[in-house]
PDB file of N, CA and C in Angstrom:
ATOM      1  N   UNK A   1      99.780  37.477 -76.305  1.00  0.00           N
ATOM      2  CA  UNK A   1     100.100  36.088 -76.597  1.00  0.00           C
ATOM      3  C   UNK A   1      99.958  35.860 -78.099  1.00  0.00           C
ATOM      4  N   UNK A   2     100.927  35.174 -78.681  1.00  0.00           N
ATOM      5  CA  UNK A   2     100.831  34.927 -80.114  1.00  0.00           C
ATOM      6  C   UNK A   2      99.917  33.727 -80.397  1.00  0.00           C
ATOM      7  N   UNK A   3      99.509  33.602 -81.622  1.00  0.00           N
ATOM      8  CA  UNK A   3      98.513  32.614 -82.013  1.00  0.00           C
ATOM      9  C   UNK A   3      98.992  31.184 -81.775  1.00  0.00           C
ATOM     10  N   UNK A   4     100.237  30.882 -82.094  1.00  0.00           N
ATOM     11  CA  UNK A   4     100.741  29.526 -81.888  1.00  0.00           C
ATOM     12  C   UNK A   4     100.753  29.159 -80.406  1.00  0.00           C
ATOM     13  N   UNK A   5     101.090  30.098 -79.562  1.00  0.00           N
ATOM     14  CA  UNK A   5     101.052  29.853 -78.121  1.00  0.00           C
ATOM     15  C   UNK A   5      99.626  29.582 -77.669  1.00  0.00           C
ATOM     16  N   UNK A   6      98.687  30.349 -78.188  1.00  0.00           N
ATOM     17  CA  UNK A   6      97.274  30.146 -77.862  1.00  0.00           C
ATOM     18  C   UNK A   6      96.822  28.753 -78.274  1.00  0.00           C
ATOM     19  N   UNK A   7      97.161  28.347 -79.484  1.00  0.00           N
ATOM     20  CA  UNK A   7      96.785  27.024 -79.988  1.00  0.00           C
ATOM     21  C   UNK A   7      97.372  25.933 -79.091  1.00  0.00           C
ATOM     22  N   UNK A   8      98.657  26.040 -78.790  1.00  0.00           N
ATOM     23  CA  UNK A   8      99.314  25.033 -77.942  1.00  0.00           C
ATOM     24  C   UNK A   8      98.636  24.944 -76.580  1.00  0.00           C
ATOM     25  N   UNK A   9      98.320  26.084 -75.993  1.00  0.00           N
ATOM     26  CA  UNK A   9      97.671  26.095 -74.675  1.00  0.00           C
ATOM     27  C   UNK A   9      96.269  25.491 -74.739  1.00  0.00           C
ATOM     28  N   UNK A  10      95.524  25.791 -75.799  1.00  0.00           N
ATOM     29  CA  UNK A  10      94.184  25.212 -75.953  1.00  0.00           C
ATOM     30  C   UNK A  10      94.267  23.694 -76.044  1.00  0.00           C
ATOM     31  N   UNK A  11      95.184  23.196 -76.835  1.00  0.00           N
ATOM     32  CA  UNK A  11      95.335  21.752 -77.026  1.00  0.00           C
ATOM     33  C   UNK A  11      95.804  21.073 -75.741  1.00  0.00           C
ATOM     34  N   UNK A  12      96.749  21.699 -75.055  1.00  0.00           N
ATOM     35  CA  UNK A  12      97.286  21.113 -73.828  1.00  0.00           C
ATOM     36  C   UNK A  12      96.289  21.138 -72.674  1.00  0.00           C
ATOM     37  N   UNK A  13      95.425  22.146 -72.639  1.00  0.00           N
ATOM     38  CA  UNK A  13      94.534  22.297 -71.484  1.00  0.00           C
ATOM     39  C   UNK A  13      93.149  21.687 -71.679  1.00  0.00           C
ATOM     40  N   UNK A  14      92.898  21.063 -72.824  1.00  0.00           N
ATOM     41  CA  UNK A  14      91.604  20.429 -73.080  1.00  0.00           C
ATOM     42  C   UNK A  14      91.817  19.009 -73.582  1.00  0.00           C
ATOM     43  N   UNK A  15      91.336  18.044 -72.818  1.00  0.00           N
ATOM     44  CA  UNK A  15      91.533  16.641 -73.180  1.00  0.00           C
ATOM     45  C   UNK A  15      90.840  16.294 -74.498  1.00  0.00           C
ATOM     46  N   UNK A  16      89.690  16.916 -74.733  1.00  0.00           N
ATOM     47  CA  UNK A  16      88.932  16.687 -75.965  1.00  0.00           C
ATOM     48  C   UNK A  16      88.603  18.053 -76.540  1.00  0.00           C
ATOM     49  N   UNK A  17      89.172  18.372 -77.682  1.00  0.00           N
ATOM     50  CA  UNK A  17      89.041  19.707 -78.261  1.00  0.00           C
ATOM     51  C   UNK A  17      88.708  19.605 -79.741  1.00  0.00           C
ATOM     52  N   UNK A  18      87.666  20.312 -80.133  1.00  0.00           N
ATOM     53  CA  UNK A  18      87.254  20.344 -81.534  1.00  0.00           C
ATOM     54  C   UNK A  18      87.385  21.757 -82.074  1.00  0.00           C
ATOM     55  N   UNK A  19      88.192  21.915 -83.102  1.00  0.00           N
ATOM     56  CA  UNK A  19      88.245  23.168 -83.850  1.00  0.00           C
ATOM     57  C   UNK A  19      87.229  23.007 -84.969  1.00  0.00           C
ATOM     58  N   UNK A  20      86.254  23.898 -85.008  1.00  0.00           N
ATOM     59  CA  UNK A  20      85.140  23.716 -85.936  1.00  0.00           C
ATOM     60  C   UNK A  20      84.638  25.047 -86.465  1.00  0.00           C
ATOM     61  N   UNK A  21      83.798  24.974 -87.474  1.00  0.00           N
ATOM     62  CA  UNK A  21      83.116  26.149 -88.006  1.00  0.00           C
ATOM     63  C   UNK A  21      81.762  26.230 -87.324  1.00  0.00           C
ATOM     64  N   UNK A  22      81.599  27.254 -86.492  1.00  0.00           N
ATOM     65  CA  UNK A  22      80.379  27.424 -85.722  1.00  0.00           C
ATOM     66  C   UNK A  22      80.544  26.872 -84.316  1.00  0.00           C
ATOM     67  N   UNK A  23      79.413  26.515 -83.712  1.00  0.00           N
ATOM     68  CA  UNK A  23      79.393  25.969 -82.361  1.00  0.00           C
ATOM     69  C   UNK A  23      78.657  24.631 -82.394  1.00  0.00           C
ATOM     70  N   UNK A  24      78.788  23.825 -81.340  1.00  0.00           N
ATOM     71  CA  UNK A  24      78.060  22.551 -81.346  1.00  0.00           C
ATOM     72  C   UNK A  24      76.540  22.725 -81.514  1.00  0.00           C
ATOM     73  N   UNK A  25      75.986  23.783 -80.949  1.00  0.00           N
ATOM     74  CA  UNK A  25      74.547  24.014 -81.102  1.00  0.00           C
ATOM     75  C   UNK A  25      74.194  24.582 -82.466  1.00  0.00           C
ATOM     76  N   UNK A  26      75.128  25.313 -83.087  1.00  0.00           N
ATOM     77  CA  UNK A  26      74.893  25.934 -84.393  1.00  0.00           C
ATOM     78  C   UNK A  26      76.105  25.755 -85.310  1.00  0.00           C
ATOM     79  N   UNK A  27      76.346  24.526 -85.756  1.00  0.00           N
ATOM     80  CA  UNK A  27      77.471  24.308 -86.679  1.00  0.00           C
ATOM     81  C   UNK A  27      77.239  25.088 -87.977  1.00  0.00           C
ATOM     82  N   UNK A  28      78.327  25.585 -88.552  1.00  0.00           N
ATOM     83  CA  UNK A  28      78.224  26.403 -89.756  1.00  0.00           C
ATOM     84  C   UNK A  28      78.687  25.680 -91.018  1.00  0.00           C
ATOM     85  N   UNK A  29      78.903  24.363 -90.926  1.00  0.00           N
ATOM     86  CA  UNK A  29      79.176  23.573 -92.130  1.00  0.00           C
ATOM     87  C   UNK A  29      78.779  22.128 -91.846  1.00  0.00           C
ATOM     88  N   UNK A  30      78.510  21.401 -92.900  1.00  0.00           N
ATOM     89  CA  UNK A  30      78.059  20.025 -92.761  1.00  0.00           C
ATOM     90  C   UNK A  30      79.084  19.114 -92.100  1.00  0.00           C
ATOM     91  N   UNK A  31      80.364  19.329 -92.396  1.00  0.00           N
ATOM     92  CA  UNK A  31      81.409  18.491 -91.806  1.00  0.00           C
ATOM     93  C   UNK A  31      81.501  18.722 -90.297  1.00  0.00           C
ATOM     94  N   UNK A  32      81.404  19.986 -89.879  1.00  0.00           N
ATOM     95  CA  UNK A  32      81.416  20.283 -88.448  1.00  0.00           C
ATOM     96  C   UNK A  32      80.185  19.698 -87.776  1.00  0.00           C
ATOM     97  N   UNK A  33      79.033  19.786 -88.427  1.00  0.00           N
ATOM     98  CA  UNK A  33      77.799  19.245 -87.878  1.00  0.00           C
ATOM     99  C   UNK A  33      77.902  17.737 -87.678  1.00  0.00           C
ATOM    100  N   UNK A  34      78.400  17.045 -88.666  1.00  0.00           N
ATOM    101  CA  UNK A  34      78.527  15.585 -88.583  1.00  0.00           C
ATOM    102  C   UNK A  34      79.521  15.186 -87.490  1.00  0.00           C
ATOM    103  N   UNK A  35      80.615  15.918 -87.384  1.00  0.00           N
ATOM    104  CA  UNK A  35      81.618  15.617 -86.361  1.00  0.00           C
ATOM    105  C   UNK A  35      81.044  15.844 -84.971  1.00  0.00           C
ATOM    106  N   UNK A  36      80.318  16.938 -84.787  1.00  0.00           N
ATOM    107  CA  UNK A  36      79.688  17.216 -83.490  1.00  0.00           C
ATOM    108  C   UNK A  36      78.721  16.094 -83.123  1.00  0.00           C
ATOM    109  N   UNK A  37      77.920  15.644 -84.076  1.00  0.00           N
ATOM    110  CA  UNK A  37      76.977  14.555 -83.790  1.00  0.00           C
ATOM    111  C   UNK A  37      77.709  13.305 -83.332  1.00  0.00           C
ATOM    112  N   UNK A  38      78.794  12.967 -84.015  1.00  0.00           N
ATOM    113  CA  UNK A  38      79.583  11.802 -83.621  1.00  0.00           C
ATOM    114  C   UNK A  38      80.142  11.962 -82.215  1.00  0.00           C
ATOM    115  N   UNK A  39      80.615  13.154 -81.885  1.00  0.00           N
ATOM    116  CA  UNK A  39      81.146  13.399 -80.539  1.00  0.00           C
ATOM    117  C   UNK A  39      80.038  13.361 -79.490  1.00  0.00           C
ATOM    118  N   UNK A  40      78.919  13.979 -79.783  1.00  0.00           N
ATOM    119  CA  UNK A  40      77.814  14.009 -78.824  1.00  0.00           C
ATOM    120  C   UNK A  40      77.272  12.606 -78.556  1.00  0.00           C
ATOM    121  N   UNK A  41      77.315  11.743 -79.559  1.00  0.00           N
ATOM    122  CA  UNK A  41      76.863  10.373 -79.376  1.00  0.00           C
ATOM    123  C   UNK A  41      77.738   9.603 -78.387  1.00  0.00           C
ATOM    124  N   UNK A  42      78.945  10.108 -78.135  1.00  0.00           N
ATOM    125  CA  UNK A  42      79.842   9.468 -77.167  1.00  0.00           C
ATOM    126  C   UNK A  42      79.462   9.816 -75.731  1.00  0.00           C
ATOM    127  N   UNK A  43      78.661  10.867 -75.555  1.00  0.00           N
ATOM    128  CA  UNK A  43      78.136  11.194 -74.237  1.00  0.00           C
ATOM    129  C   UNK A  43      79.060  11.944 -73.300  1.00  0.00           C
ATOM    130  N   UNK A  44      80.166  12.439 -73.785  1.00  0.00           N
ATOM    131  CA  UNK A  44      81.091  13.195 -72.931  1.00  0.00           C
ATOM    132  C   UNK A  44      81.164  14.646 -73.401  1.00  0.00           C
ATOM    133  N   UNK A  45      81.489  15.512 -72.462  1.00  0.00           N
ATOM    134  CA  UNK A  45      81.677  16.923 -72.804  1.00  0.00           C
ATOM    135  C   UNK A  45      82.981  17.102 -73.566  1.00  0.00           C
ATOM    136  N   UNK A  46      83.002  18.109 -74.418  1.00  0.00           N
ATOM    137  CA  UNK A  46      84.214  18.423 -75.157  1.00  0.00           C
ATOM    138  C   UNK A  46      84.302  19.928 -75.334  1.00  0.00           C
ATOM    139  N   UNK A  47      85.516  20.406 -75.429  1.00  0.00           N
ATOM    140  CA  UNK A  47      85.761  21.826 -75.673  1.00  0.00           C
ATOM    141  C   UNK A  47      85.736  22.066 -77.179  1.00  0.00           C
ATOM    142  N   UNK A  48      85.461  23.301 -77.542  1.00  0.00           N
ATOM    143  CA  UNK A  48      85.479  23.643 -78.962  1.00  0.00           C
ATOM    144  C   UNK A  48      85.984  25.064 -79.147  1.00  0.00           C
ATOM    145  N   UNK A  49      86.468  25.327 -80.333  1.00  0.00           N
ATOM    146  CA  UNK A  49      86.849  26.678 -80.746  1.00  0.00           C
ATOM    147  C   UNK A  49      86.181  26.919 -82.084  1.00  0.00           C
ATOM    148  N   UNK A  50      85.405  27.996 -82.152  1.00  0.00           N
ATOM    149  CA  UNK A  50      84.758  28.403 -83.396  1.00  0.00           C
ATOM    150  C   UNK A  50      85.780  29.184 -84.211  1.00  0.00           C
ATOM    151  N   UNK A  51      86.334  28.544 -85.224  1.00  0.00           N
ATOM    152  CA  UNK A  51      87.386  29.195 -86.006  1.00  0.00           C
ATOM    153  C   UNK A  51      86.866  30.356 -86.838  1.00  0.00           C
ATOM    154  N   UNK A  52      85.563  30.427 -87.047  1.00  0.00           N
ATOM    155  CA  UNK A  52      85.005  31.562 -87.787  1.00  0.00           C
ATOM    156  C   UNK A  52      85.112  32.848 -86.973  1.00  0.00           C
ATOM    157  N   UNK A  53      85.154  32.720 -85.649  1.00  0.00           N
ATOM    158  CA  UNK A  53      85.314  33.884 -84.774  1.00  0.00           C
ATOM    159  C   UNK A  53      86.775  34.159 -84.441  1.00  0.00           C
ATOM    160  N   UNK A  54      87.661  33.270 -84.882  1.00  0.00           N
ATOM    161  CA  UNK A  54      89.090  33.401 -84.592  1.00  0.00           C
ATOM    162  C   UNK A  54      89.890  33.193 -85.875  1.00  0.00           C
ATOM    163  N   UNK A  55      89.901  34.207 -86.762  1.00  0.00           N
ATOM    164  CA  UNK A  55      90.587  34.043 -88.046  1.00  0.00           C
ATOM    165  C   UNK A  55      92.082  33.777 -87.903  1.00  0.00           C
ATOM    166  N   UNK A  56      92.687  34.242 -86.818  1.00  0.00           N
ATOM    167  CA  UNK A  56      94.111  33.972 -86.609  1.00  0.00           C
ATOM    168  C   UNK A  56      94.349  32.476 -86.382  1.00  0.00           C
ATOM    169  N   UNK A  57      93.495  31.839 -85.593  1.00  0.00           N
ATOM    170  CA  UNK A  57      93.605  30.401 -85.366  1.00  0.00           C
ATOM    171  C   UNK A  57      93.271  29.648 -86.651  1.00  0.00           C
ATOM    172  N   UNK A  58      92.263  30.104 -87.365  1.00  0.00           N
ATOM    173  CA  UNK A  58      91.882  29.464 -88.633  1.00  0.00           C
ATOM    174  C   UNK A  58      93.051  29.469 -89.620  1.00  0.00           C
ATOM    175  N   UNK A  59      93.837  30.524 -89.602  1.00  0.00           N
ATOM    176  CA  UNK A  59      94.966  30.628 -90.524  1.00  0.00           C
ATOM    177  C   UNK A  59      96.174  29.812 -90.060  1.00  0.00           C
ATOM    178  N   UNK A  60      96.434  29.780 -88.761  1.00  0.00           N
ATOM    179  CA  UNK A  60      97.654  29.157 -88.251  1.00  0.00           C
ATOM    180  C   UNK A  60      97.531  27.679 -87.912  1.00  0.00           C
ATOM    181  N   UNK A  61      96.359  27.220 -87.493  1.00  0.00           N
ATOM    182  CA  UNK A  61      96.223  25.832 -87.056  1.00  0.00           C
ATOM    183  C   UNK A  61      96.570  24.812 -88.145  1.00  0.00           C
ATOM    184  N   UNK A  62      96.144  25.012 -89.406  1.00  0.00           N
ATOM    185  CA  UNK A  62      96.531  24.023 -90.430  1.00  0.00           C
ATOM    186  C   UNK A  62      98.049  23.859 -90.558  1.00  0.00           C
ATOM    187  N   UNK A  63      98.797  24.935 -90.379  1.00  0.00           N
ATOM    188  CA  UNK A  63     100.260  24.853 -90.449  1.00  0.00           C
ATOM    189  C   UNK A  63     100.799  24.111 -89.229  1.00  0.00           C
ATOM    190  N   UNK A  64     100.286  24.449 -88.056  1.00  0.00           N
ATOM    191  CA  UNK A  64     100.726  23.822 -86.808  1.00  0.00           C
ATOM    192  C   UNK A  64     100.429  22.319 -86.827  1.00  0.00           C
ATOM    193  N   UNK A  65      99.227  21.964 -87.271  1.00  0.00           N
ATOM    194  CA  UNK A  65      98.775  20.572 -87.245  1.00  0.00           C
ATOM    195  C   UNK A  65      99.238  19.770 -88.453  1.00  0.00           C
ATOM    196  N   UNK A  66      99.684  20.459 -89.487  1.00  0.00           N
ATOM    197  CA  UNK A  66      99.976  19.811 -90.769  1.00  0.00           C
ATOM    198  C   UNK A  66      98.731  19.069 -91.265  1.00  0.00           C
ATOM    199  N   UNK A  67      97.580  19.728 -91.094  1.00  0.00           N
ATOM    200  CA  UNK A  67      96.273  19.191 -91.509  1.00  0.00           C
ATOM    201  C   UNK A  67      95.501  20.371 -92.085  1.00  0.00           C
ATOM    202  N   UNK A  68      95.162  20.345 -93.364  1.00  0.00           N
ATOM    203  CA  UNK A  68      94.664  21.546 -94.032  1.00  0.00           C
ATOM    204  C   UNK A  68      93.197  21.915 -93.802  1.00  0.00           C
ATOM    205  N   UNK A  69      92.387  20.995 -93.290  1.00  0.00           N
ATOM    206  CA  UNK A  69      90.946  21.241 -93.265  1.00  0.00           C
ATOM    207  C   UNK A  69      90.380  21.301 -91.850  1.00  0.00           C
ATOM    208  N   UNK A  70      89.133  21.750 -91.784  1.00  0.00           N
ATOM    209  CA  UNK A  70      88.369  21.788 -90.536  1.00  0.00           C
ATOM    210  C   UNK A  70      87.088  21.004 -90.756  1.00  0.00           C
ATOM    211  N   UNK A  71      86.574  20.388 -89.725  1.00  0.00           N
ATOM    212  CA  UNK A  71      86.986  20.431 -88.324  1.00  0.00           C
ATOM    213  C   UNK A  71      88.248  19.599 -88.069  1.00  0.00           C
ATOM    214  N   UNK A  72      88.824  19.855 -86.895  1.00  0.00           N
ATOM    215  CA  UNK A  72      89.963  19.085 -86.415  1.00  0.00           C
ATOM    216  C   UNK A  72      89.658  18.656 -84.989  1.00  0.00           C
ATOM    217  N   UNK A  73      89.754  17.366 -84.721  1.00  0.00           N
ATOM    218  CA  UNK A  73      89.548  16.851 -83.378  1.00  0.00           C
ATOM    219  C   UNK A  73      90.891  16.482 -82.762  1.00  0.00           C
ATOM    220  N   UNK A  74      91.114  17.006 -81.558  1.00  0.00           N
ATOM    221  CA  UNK A  74      92.324  16.718 -80.799  1.00  0.00           C
ATOM    222  C   UNK A  74      91.908  15.993 -79.526  1.00  0.00           C
ATOM    223  N   UNK A  75      92.541  14.858 -79.246  1.00  0.00           N
ATOM    224  CA  UNK A  75      92.279  14.112 -78.026  1.00  0.00           C
ATOM    225  C   UNK A  75      93.607  13.883 -77.314  1.00  0.00           C
ATOM    226  N   UNK A  76      93.650  14.287 -76.057  1.00  0.00           N
ATOM    227  CA  UNK A  76      94.861  14.126 -75.230  1.00  0.00           C
ATOM    228  C   UNK A  76      96.099  14.687 -75.919  1.00  0.00           C
ATOM    229  N   UNK A  77      95.941  15.852 -76.552  1.00  0.00           N
ATOM    230  CA  UNK A  77      97.066  16.543 -77.166  1.00  0.00           C
ATOM    231  C   UNK A  77      97.469  16.034 -78.536  1.00  0.00           C
ATOM    232  N   UNK A  78      96.755  15.058 -79.067  1.00  0.00           N
ATOM    233  CA  UNK A  78      97.090  14.490 -80.375  1.00  0.00           C
ATOM    234  C   UNK A  78      95.973  14.759 -81.378  1.00  0.00           C
ATOM    235  N   UNK A  79      96.355  15.111 -82.593  1.00  0.00           N
ATOM    236  CA  UNK A  79      95.379  15.299 -83.656  1.00  0.00           C
ATOM    237  C   UNK A  79      94.842  13.936 -84.075  1.00  0.00           C
ATOM    238  N   UNK A  80      93.518  13.789 -83.998  1.00  0.00           N
ATOM    239  CA  UNK A  80      92.875  12.549 -84.433  1.00  0.00           C
ATOM    240  C   UNK A  80      92.551  12.645 -85.917  1.00  0.00           C
ATOM    241  N   UNK A  81      92.015  13.794 -86.340  1.00  0.00           N
ATOM    242  CA  UNK A  81      91.714  13.993 -87.749  1.00  0.00           C
ATOM    243  C   UNK A  81      90.464  14.812 -87.948  1.00  0.00           C
ATOM    244  N   UNK A  82      89.917  14.708 -89.152  1.00  0.00           N
ATOM    245  CA  UNK A  82      88.746  15.477 -89.527  1.00  0.00           C
ATOM    246  C   UNK A  82      87.501  14.613 -89.605  1.00  0.00           C
ATOM    247  N   UNK A  83      86.519  15.112 -90.293  1.00  0.00           N
ATOM    248  CA  UNK A  83      85.189  14.511 -90.330  1.00  0.00           C
ATOM    249  C   UNK A  83      85.194  13.053 -90.782  1.00  0.00           C
ATOM    250  N   UNK A  84      85.860  12.734 -91.872  1.00  0.00           N
ATOM    251  CA  UNK A  84      85.842  11.363 -92.397  1.00  0.00           C
ATOM    252  C   UNK A  84      86.449  10.381 -91.398  1.00  0.00           C
ATOM    253  N   UNK A  85      87.575  10.752 -90.824  1.00  0.00           N
ATOM    254  CA  UNK A  85      88.240   9.882 -89.855  1.00  0.00           C
ATOM    255  C   UNK A  85      87.366   9.718 -88.614  1.00  0.00           C
ATOM    256  N   UNK A  86      86.791  10.809 -88.118  1.00  0.00           N
ATOM    257  CA  UNK A  86      85.935  10.753 -86.933  1.00  0.00           C
ATOM    258  C   UNK A  86      84.718   9.875 -87.200  1.00  0.00           C
ATOM    259  N   UNK A  87      84.134  10.008 -88.375  1.00  0.00           N
ATOM    260  CA  UNK A  87      82.968   9.185 -88.726  1.00  0.00           C
ATOM    261  C   UNK A  87      83.339   7.705 -88.764  1.00  0.00           C
ATOM    262  N   UNK A  88      84.479   7.385 -89.363  1.00  0.00           N
ATOM    263  CA  UNK A  88      84.938   5.993 -89.396  1.00  0.00           C
ATOM    264  C   UNK A  88      85.179   5.457 -87.990  1.00  0.00           C
ATOM    265  N   UNK A  89      85.823   6.259 -87.141  1.00  0.00           N
ATOM    266  CA  UNK A  89      86.079   5.842 -85.762  1.00  0.00           C
ATOM    267  C   UNK A  89      84.775   5.656 -84.993  1.00  0.00           C
ATOM    268  N   UNK A  90      83.808   6.531 -85.241  1.00  0.00           N
ATOM    269  CA  UNK A  90      82.509   6.429 -84.560  1.00  0.00           C
ATOM    270  C   UNK A  90      81.797   5.146 -84.977  1.00  0.00           C
ATOM    271  N   UNK A  91      81.824   4.834 -86.258  1.00  0.00           N
ATOM    272  CA  UNK A  91      81.144   3.640 -86.755  1.00  0.00           C
ATOM    273  C   UNK A  91      81.773   2.351 -86.233  1.00  0.00           C
ATOM    274  N   UNK A  92      83.075   2.371 -86.009  1.00  0.00           N
ATOM    275  CA  UNK A  92      83.763   1.174 -85.515  1.00  0.00           C
ATOM    276  C   UNK A  92      83.692   1.047 -83.993  1.00  0.00           C
ATOM    277  N   UNK A  93      83.263   2.122 -83.316  1.00  0.00           N
ATOM    278  CA  UNK A  93      83.214   2.107 -81.858  1.00  0.00           C
ATOM    279  C   UNK A  93      84.478   2.633 -81.198  1.00  0.00           C
ATOM    280  N   UNK A  94      85.508   2.868 -82.004  1.00  0.00           N
ATOM    281  CA  UNK A  94      86.781   3.339 -81.450  1.00  0.00           C
ATOM    282  C   UNK A  94      86.689   4.750 -80.889  1.00  0.00           C
ATOM    283  N   UNK A  95      85.879   5.610 -81.508  1.00  0.00           N
ATOM    284  CA  UNK A  95      85.777   6.990 -81.033  1.00  0.00           C
ATOM    285  C   UNK A  95      85.250   7.022 -79.604  1.00  0.00           C
ATOM    286  N   UNK A  96      84.214   6.259 -79.321  1.00  0.00           N
ATOM    287  CA  UNK A  96      83.654   6.231 -77.964  1.00  0.00           C
ATOM    288  C   UNK A  96      84.705   5.788 -76.956  1.00  0.00           C
ATOM    289  N   UNK A  97      85.515   4.807 -77.310  1.00  0.00           N
ATOM    290  CA  UNK A  97      86.582   4.344 -76.422  1.00  0.00           C
ATOM    291  C   UNK A  97      87.613   5.444 -76.189  1.00  0.00           C
ATOM    292  N   UNK A  98      88.017   6.111 -77.262  1.00  0.00           N
ATOM    293  CA  UNK A  98      89.011   7.183 -77.157  1.00  0.00           C
ATOM    294  C   UNK A  98      88.487   8.334 -76.305  1.00  0.00           C
ATOM    295  N   UNK A  99      87.238   8.714 -76.550  1.00  0.00           N
ATOM    296  CA  UNK A  99      86.629   9.824 -75.815  1.00  0.00           C
ATOM    297  C   UNK A  99      86.482   9.464 -74.347  1.00  0.00           C
ATOM    298  N   UNK A 100      86.011   8.272 -74.066  1.00  0.00           N
ATOM    299  CA  UNK A 100      85.823   7.829 -72.692  1.00  0.00           C
ATOM    300  C   UNK A 100      87.147   7.816 -71.931  1.00  0.00           C
ATOM    301  N   UNK A 101      88.196   7.345 -72.562  1.00  0.00           N
ATOM    302  CA  UNK A 101      89.508   7.279 -71.923  1.00  0.00           C
ATOM    303  C   UNK A 101      90.074   8.668 -71.632  1.00  0.00           C
ATOM    304  N   UNK A 102      89.749   9.636 -72.474  1.00  0.00           N
ATOM    305  CA  UNK A 102      90.305  10.975 -72.328  1.00  0.00           C
ATOM    306  C   UNK A 102      89.397  11.939 -71.582  1.00  0.00           C
ATOM    307  N   UNK A 103      88.145  11.561 -71.352  1.00  0.00           N
ATOM    308  CA  UNK A 103      87.141  12.485 -70.812  1.00  0.00           C
ATOM    309  C   UNK A 103      87.577  13.094 -69.485  1.00  0.00           C
ATOM    310  N   UNK A 104      87.591  14.415 -69.438  1.00  0.00           N
ATOM    311  CA  UNK A 104      87.955  15.098 -68.197  1.00  0.00           C
ATOM    312  C   UNK A 104      86.755  15.203 -67.263  1.00  0.00           C
ATOM    313  N   UNK A 105      87.035  15.368 -66.018  1.00  0.00           N
ATOM    314  CA  UNK A 105      85.967  15.622 -65.041  1.00  0.00           C
ATOM    315  C   UNK A 105      85.967  17.120 -64.769  1.00  0.00           C
ATOM    316  N   UNK A 106      85.510  17.882 -65.758  1.00  0.00           N
ATOM    317  CA  UNK A 106      85.510  19.336 -65.628  1.00  0.00           C
ATOM    318  C   UNK A 106      84.110  19.880 -65.819  1.00  0.00           C
ATOM    319  N   UNK A 107      83.869  21.008 -65.216  1.00  0.00           N
ATOM    320  CA  UNK A 107      82.530  21.598 -65.245  1.00  0.00           C
ATOM    321  C   UNK A 107      82.255  22.361 -66.543  1.00  0.00           C
ATOM    322  N   UNK A 108      83.235  23.094 -67.042  1.00  0.00           N
ATOM    323  CA  UNK A 108      83.015  23.941 -68.209  1.00  0.00           C
ATOM    324  C   UNK A 108      83.930  23.507 -69.345  1.00  0.00           C
ATOM    325  N   UNK A 109      83.340  23.060 -70.440  1.00  0.00           N
ATOM    326  CA  UNK A 109      84.144  22.540 -71.549  1.00  0.00           C
ATOM    327  C   UNK A 109      84.243  23.513 -72.711  1.00  0.00           C
ATOM    328  N   UNK A 110      83.809  24.725 -72.586  1.00  0.00           N
ATOM    329  CA  UNK A 110      83.891  25.707 -73.661  1.00  0.00           C
ATOM    330  C   UNK A 110      85.152  26.532 -73.472  1.00  0.00           C
ATOM    331  N   UNK A 111      86.005  26.593 -74.510  1.00  0.00           N
ATOM    332  CA  UNK A 111      87.253  27.327 -74.376  1.00  0.00           C
ATOM    333  C   UNK A 111      87.130  28.792 -74.757  1.00  0.00           C
ATOM    334  N   UNK A 112      86.020  29.182 -75.322  1.00  0.00           N
ATOM    335  CA  UNK A 112      85.912  30.563 -75.811  1.00  0.00           C
ATOM    336  C   UNK A 112      85.661  31.551 -74.705  1.00  0.00           C
TER     337      UNK A 112
END
């Protein structure tokens, strides 16, 4: 499977998906850490992909998304944005609404 197909399948099969550096328990950059905290404060499970372990996705996703930086949050197949946007949405209460509306009833939210 090629990388773009993998990316498309990950986005389509996960209602809430975070492409990040590291994992939610061990973020590897401050922006990923802050984004994870904002997501965790919403109280719903979310899938993630550690781009440090997937250099092919790290290279191709910015082109696919037309968004150059990480982390990237995708909700219901749409790119929401990166750390600054997520933080603004969290502070306004909009992130919790978006997450709640998209939250899947699934047992395992890790895509790796």
